[in-house]
């Protein structure tokens, strides 16, 4: 059975919502495009991958230097943990 993007709702952590608000307009467009792709298929192997270690259970989507870490759908909700540009702190839990 195929699911459509209307089947999934996206919710943001406070950190992710704040990050999205503070991203430049150009980069925000990239992030929104990526969020729509994740919403359409949160398990797309070409776009996302499972995370290991401290982030086990989460998935990561990337576009350019941007990363979105999220929990796969539960009760049709994709929970965005954070949105960040890739650097040495990207996958370190605080």
Protein backbone atom coordinates (compact mmCIF):
# COMPACT_ATOMS: atom_id res chain seq x y z
CA UNK A 1 0.00 0.00 0.00
CA UNK A 2 1.42 3.35 -1.04
CA UNK A 3 1.09 6.36 1.22
CA UNK A 4 0.75 9.95 0.12
CA UNK A 5 2.36 12.96 1.77
CA UNK A 6 -1.05 13.95 3.15
CA UNK A 7 -0.83 10.83 5.33
CA UNK A 8 2.12 12.27 7.28
CA UNK A 9 2.19 15.38 9.42
CA UNK A 10 5.44 17.09 10.37
CA UNK A 11 6.08 18.38 13.88
CA UNK A 12 9.17 20.29 14.94
CA UNK A 13 11.14 20.27 18.17
CA UNK A 14 11.67 23.75 19.62
CA UNK A 15 15.29 23.60 18.45
CA UNK A 16 14.31 22.66 14.89
CA UNK A 17 11.58 25.33 14.72
CA UNK A 18 14.01 27.99 15.93
CA UNK A 19 16.66 26.85 13.44
CA UNK A 20 14.19 26.99 10.54
CA UNK A 21 13.13 30.50 11.55
CA UNK A 22 16.76 31.71 11.62
CA UNK A 23 17.87 30.19 8.30
CA UNK A 24 18.40 32.57 5.38
CA UNK A 25 15.58 32.81 2.84
CA UNK A 26 17.56 30.95 0.14
CA UNK A 27 18.54 28.11 2.45
CA UNK A 28 15.04 27.98 3.94
CA UNK A 29 13.73 27.18 0.45
CA UNK A 30 16.13 24.22 0.24
CA UNK A 31 15.08 23.00 3.68
CA UNK A 32 11.37 23.27 2.87
CA UNK A 33 11.96 21.32 -0.34
CA UNK A 34 13.77 18.66 1.67
CA UNK A 35 11.02 18.55 4.30
CA UNK A 36 8.42 18.01 1.56
CA UNK A 37 10.48 15.14 0.16
CA UNK A 38 10.76 13.56 3.63
CA UNK A 39 7.04 14.03 4.15
CA UNK A 40 6.33 12.32 0.82
CA UNK A 41 8.55 9.33 1.64
CA UNK A 42 10.35 9.31 5.01
CA UNK A 43 12.11 6.04 4.12
CA UNK A 44 13.42 7.05 0.66
CA UNK A 45 16.84 5.37 0.48
CA UNK A 46 18.12 7.85 -2.10
CA UNK A 47 17.40 10.76 0.23
CA UNK A 48 17.58 9.42 3.78
CA UNK A 49 19.47 6.94 5.89
CA UNK A 50 19.24 5.38 9.34
CA UNK A 51 21.51 6.82 11.98
CA UNK A 52 23.63 4.76 14.35
CA UNK A 53 25.12 5.25 17.77
CA UNK A 54 23.57 7.94 19.97
CA UNK A 55 21.00 8.71 17.25
CA UNK A 56 19.88 5.12 16.65
CA UNK A 57 16.19 5.08 15.82
CA UNK A 58 16.39 8.37 13.93
CA UNK A 59 16.86 9.03 10.24
CA UNK A 60 18.80 11.73 8.45
CA UNK A 61 17.99 13.58 5.25
CA UNK A 62 20.48 15.86 3.56
CA UNK A 63 20.61 18.46 0.84
CA UNK A 64 23.93 20.14 0.19
CA UNK A 65 25.46 20.97 3.55
CA UNK A 66 22.10 20.88 5.36
CA UNK A 67 21.01 17.99 7.56
CA UNK A 68 17.61 17.17 8.99
CA UNK A 69 17.46 14.57 11.76
CA UNK A 70 14.02 13.14 12.43
CA UNK A 71 12.14 10.27 13.98
CA UNK A 72 10.34 8.10 11.41
CA UNK A 73 6.55 8.32 11.41
CA UNK A 74 4.71 7.24 14.49
CA UNK A 75 0.94 7.71 14.41
CA UNK A 76 1.48 9.44 11.03
CA UNK A 77 3.70 12.13 12.58
CA UNK A 78 7.28 12.75 11.46
CA UNK A 79 9.08 14.50 14.32
CA UNK A 80 11.93 16.78 13.22
CA UNK A 81 14.60 16.79 15.92
CA UNK A 82 16.90 19.36 14.37
CA UNK A 83 17.94 21.18 11.22
CA UNK A 84 21.60 22.08 10.95
CA UNK A 85 24.42 22.73 8.52
CA UNK A 86 26.97 19.94 8.57
CA UNK A 87 29.90 20.50 10.92
CA UNK A 88 31.81 18.55 13.57
CA UNK A 89 28.93 18.99 16.05
CA UNK A 90 26.13 17.85 13.77
CA UNK A 91 25.70 14.34 15.14
CA UNK A 92 26.77 14.98 18.75
CA UNK A 93 23.91 14.87 21.22
CA UNK A 94 23.96 17.73 23.69
